[in-house]
N, C-alpha and C. Protein backbone atom coordinates (compact mmCIF):
# COMPACT_ATOMS: atom_id res chain seq x y z
N MET A 1 91.08 126.55 88.61
CA MET A 1 91.22 125.34 89.39
C MET A 1 91.00 124.16 88.45
N SER A 2 91.95 123.28 88.44
CA SER A 2 91.90 122.12 87.56
C SER A 2 91.21 120.95 88.23
N SER A 3 90.38 120.25 87.46
CA SER A 3 89.74 119.05 88.01
C SER A 3 90.54 117.80 87.67
N ARG A 4 91.62 117.97 86.90
CA ARG A 4 92.48 116.84 86.56
C ARG A 4 93.56 116.70 87.62
N PRO A 5 93.90 115.47 87.96
CA PRO A 5 94.97 115.27 88.96
C PRO A 5 96.32 115.80 88.47
N LYS A 6 97.08 116.33 89.40
CA LYS A 6 98.45 116.79 89.14
C LYS A 6 99.37 116.04 90.09
N LYS A 7 100.59 115.80 89.65
CA LYS A 7 101.57 115.14 90.51
C LYS A 7 102.14 116.15 91.51
N HIS A 8 102.21 115.69 92.75
CA HIS A 8 102.77 116.49 93.84
C HIS A 8 103.81 115.65 94.55
N SER A 9 104.97 116.22 94.81
CA SER A 9 106.06 115.50 95.43
C SER A 9 105.96 115.52 96.95
N LEU A 10 106.29 114.39 97.54
CA LEU A 10 106.32 114.24 98.99
C LEU A 10 107.56 113.43 99.37
N THR A 11 107.97 113.56 100.60
CA THR A 11 109.04 112.73 101.14
C THR A 11 108.48 111.96 102.32
N LEU A 12 108.45 110.64 102.18
CA LEU A 12 107.92 109.77 103.22
C LEU A 12 109.05 108.95 103.81
N ARG A 13 109.34 109.19 105.09
CA ARG A 13 110.41 108.47 105.78
C ARG A 13 111.71 108.48 104.98
N GLY A 14 112.06 109.65 104.44
CA GLY A 14 113.31 109.82 103.73
C GLY A 14 113.30 109.43 102.27
N HIS A 15 112.18 108.96 101.76
CA HIS A 15 112.09 108.54 100.36
C HIS A 15 111.14 109.46 99.60
N ARG A 16 111.60 109.94 98.45
CA ARG A 16 110.77 110.80 97.60
C ARG A 16 109.73 109.96 96.90
N THR A 17 108.51 110.51 96.83
CA THR A 17 107.43 109.88 96.09
C THR A 17 106.53 110.98 95.57
N SER A 18 105.57 110.62 94.77
CA SER A 18 104.61 111.61 94.31
C SER A 18 103.21 111.02 94.35
N VAL A 19 102.25 111.91 94.48
CA VAL A 19 100.84 111.52 94.45
C VAL A 19 100.15 112.40 93.42
N SER A 20 99.19 111.83 92.75
CA SER A 20 98.39 112.59 91.78
C SER A 20 97.07 112.94 92.43
N LEU A 21 96.89 114.24 92.68
CA LEU A 21 95.67 114.73 93.33
C LEU A 21 95.14 115.95 92.58
N GLU A 22 93.84 116.09 92.59
CA GLU A 22 93.20 117.27 92.04
C GLU A 22 93.52 118.46 92.94
N ASP A 23 93.57 119.65 92.36
CA ASP A 23 93.90 120.85 93.13
C ASP A 23 93.06 121.03 94.40
N PRO A 24 91.74 120.84 94.35
CA PRO A 24 90.98 121.04 95.59
C PRO A 24 91.40 120.10 96.72
N PHE A 25 91.72 118.85 96.39
CA PHE A 25 92.17 117.92 97.43
C PHE A 25 93.55 118.30 97.94
N TRP A 26 94.47 118.66 97.04
CA TRP A 26 95.81 119.05 97.45
C TRP A 26 95.76 120.30 98.33
N ASN A 27 94.96 121.29 97.92
CA ASN A 27 94.85 122.52 98.70
C ASN A 27 94.25 122.26 100.08
N ALA A 28 93.23 121.41 100.13
CA ALA A 28 92.61 121.08 101.42
C ALA A 28 93.60 120.31 102.30
N PHE A 29 94.37 119.41 101.71
CA PHE A 29 95.36 118.65 102.46
C PHE A 29 96.41 119.59 103.05
N ARG A 30 96.89 120.53 102.25
CA ARG A 30 97.86 121.51 102.76
C ARG A 30 97.26 122.36 103.87
N ALA A 31 95.98 122.73 103.71
CA ALA A 31 95.31 123.54 104.73
C ALA A 31 95.17 122.77 106.04
N ILE A 32 94.87 121.49 105.97
CA ILE A 32 94.77 120.66 107.18
C ILE A 32 96.13 120.60 107.87
N ALA A 33 97.18 120.39 107.11
CA ALA A 33 98.53 120.35 107.69
C ALA A 33 98.85 121.67 108.38
N ALA A 34 98.53 122.78 107.73
CA ALA A 34 98.81 124.10 108.31
C ALA A 34 97.97 124.32 109.56
N ARG A 35 96.70 123.96 109.50
CA ARG A 35 95.79 124.17 110.63
C ARG A 35 96.23 123.37 111.85
N THR A 36 96.76 122.18 111.61
CA THR A 36 97.17 121.32 112.72
C THR A 36 98.64 121.52 113.10
N GLY A 37 99.33 122.40 112.38
CA GLY A 37 100.72 122.69 112.70
C GLY A 37 101.67 121.55 112.42
N ARG A 38 101.34 120.76 111.40
CA ARG A 38 102.18 119.59 111.08
C ARG A 38 102.75 119.75 109.68
N PRO A 39 103.99 119.33 109.50
CA PRO A 39 104.54 119.33 108.14
C PRO A 39 103.74 118.39 107.25
N ILE A 40 103.55 118.78 106.00
CA ILE A 40 102.74 117.97 105.09
C ILE A 40 103.35 116.59 104.87
N ASN A 41 104.67 116.48 104.85
CA ASN A 41 105.31 115.18 104.68
C ASN A 41 105.05 114.26 105.87
N GLU A 42 105.03 114.83 107.07
CA GLU A 42 104.74 114.03 108.27
C GLU A 42 103.30 113.52 108.24
N LEU A 43 102.38 114.38 107.86
CA LEU A 43 100.98 113.99 107.77
C LEU A 43 100.78 112.92 106.70
N ALA A 44 101.43 113.08 105.56
CA ALA A 44 101.33 112.09 104.48
C ALA A 44 101.92 110.75 104.92
N ALA A 45 103.01 110.79 105.66
CA ALA A 45 103.63 109.54 106.13
C ALA A 45 102.70 108.81 107.09
N GLU A 46 102.02 109.56 107.94
CA GLU A 46 101.07 108.95 108.87
C GLU A 46 99.90 108.30 108.11
N ILE A 47 99.38 109.01 107.13
CA ILE A 47 98.29 108.46 106.32
C ILE A 47 98.77 107.22 105.58
N ASP A 48 99.99 107.28 105.06
CA ASP A 48 100.56 106.15 104.34
C ASP A 48 100.66 104.92 105.23
N GLU A 49 101.08 105.12 106.48
CA GLU A 49 101.21 104.00 107.42
C GLU A 49 99.86 103.39 107.78
N GLU A 50 98.82 104.22 107.83
CA GLU A 50 97.51 103.76 108.27
C GLU A 50 96.65 103.19 107.14
N ARG A 51 97.01 103.48 105.91
CA ARG A 51 96.15 103.03 104.80
C ARG A 51 96.27 101.52 104.61
N GLY A 52 95.24 100.95 104.05
CA GLY A 52 95.25 99.52 103.78
C GLY A 52 96.06 99.22 102.52
N VAL A 53 96.40 97.98 102.35
CA VAL A 53 97.19 97.59 101.18
C VAL A 53 96.38 97.67 99.89
N ASP A 54 95.06 97.72 100.00
CA ASP A 54 94.21 97.79 98.82
C ASP A 54 93.98 99.21 98.34
N SER A 55 94.55 100.18 99.01
CA SER A 55 94.31 101.58 98.71
C SER A 55 95.62 102.28 98.39
N GLY A 56 95.61 103.14 97.38
CA GLY A 56 96.78 103.94 97.05
C GLY A 56 96.86 105.16 97.95
N LEU A 57 98.03 105.78 97.99
CA LEU A 57 98.23 106.94 98.85
C LEU A 57 97.33 108.10 98.45
N ALA A 58 97.16 108.34 97.16
CA ALA A 58 96.30 109.45 96.72
C ALA A 58 94.87 109.24 97.21
N SER A 59 94.37 108.03 97.07
CA SER A 59 93.01 107.74 97.55
C SER A 59 92.92 107.91 99.05
N ALA A 60 93.93 107.47 99.77
CA ALA A 60 93.94 107.60 101.23
C ALA A 60 93.94 109.07 101.64
N ILE A 61 94.66 109.92 100.92
CA ILE A 61 94.67 111.35 101.22
C ILE A 61 93.30 111.95 100.93
N ARG A 62 92.68 111.57 99.81
CA ARG A 62 91.34 112.07 99.52
C ARG A 62 90.36 111.71 100.63
N LEU A 63 90.41 110.46 101.11
CA LEU A 63 89.53 110.04 102.18
C LEU A 63 89.82 110.78 103.48
N PHE A 64 91.10 111.04 103.75
CA PHE A 64 91.50 111.80 104.93
C PHE A 64 90.89 113.21 104.87
N VAL A 65 91.00 113.85 103.71
CA VAL A 65 90.44 115.19 103.53
C VAL A 65 88.92 115.16 103.74
N LEU A 66 88.25 114.18 103.17
CA LEU A 66 86.81 114.04 103.32
C LEU A 66 86.43 113.84 104.78
N GLN A 67 87.15 112.97 105.48
CA GLN A 67 86.86 112.72 106.90
C GLN A 67 87.06 113.97 107.74
N ASP A 68 88.09 114.75 107.42
CA ASP A 68 88.33 116.00 108.14
C ASP A 68 87.18 116.97 107.92
N LEU A 69 86.74 117.09 106.69
CA LEU A 69 85.61 117.98 106.38
C LEU A 69 84.34 117.52 107.10
N GLN A 70 84.09 116.21 107.09
CA GLN A 70 82.91 115.68 107.78
C GLN A 70 82.98 115.97 109.28
N ALA A 71 84.15 115.83 109.86
CA ALA A 71 84.33 116.11 111.29
C ALA A 71 84.06 117.58 111.59
N GLN A 72 84.52 118.46 110.71
CA GLN A 72 84.27 119.90 110.90
C GLN A 72 82.79 120.22 110.81
N LEU A 73 82.11 119.61 109.84
CA LEU A 73 80.68 119.85 109.68
C LEU A 73 79.88 119.32 110.88
N THR A 74 80.28 118.16 111.39
CA THR A 74 79.63 117.61 112.57
C THR A 74 79.84 118.51 113.77
N ALA A 75 81.04 119.00 113.94
CA ALA A 75 81.34 119.89 115.05
C ALA A 75 80.52 121.19 114.95
N GLN A 76 80.36 121.70 113.76
CA GLN A 76 79.57 122.93 113.57
C GLN A 76 78.10 122.69 113.87
N SER A 77 77.59 121.53 113.48
CA SER A 77 76.17 121.25 113.72
C SER A 77 75.87 120.96 115.18
N ASP A 78 76.91 120.59 115.94
CA ASP A 78 76.74 120.31 117.36
C ASP A 78 76.72 121.59 118.20
N THR A 79 77.10 122.69 117.61
CA THR A 79 77.14 123.95 118.39
C THR A 79 75.90 124.76 118.21
């Protein structure tokens, strides 16, 4: 598992782009898409639309992954 970011291709609203993410973030992002039954490009487009102008897409995806993990941990501690 590499700790260095790698470029990953995405299609957002019909336009090809790439994001540089570390393998653990990319794998977690793909797992979230699979778990929620959503195409990864659709999920990335949603994150892209919601991110602020001061944040890049890669950073927004990292934060999305972190928030998902935090939500899972909170749900587990509530049971």
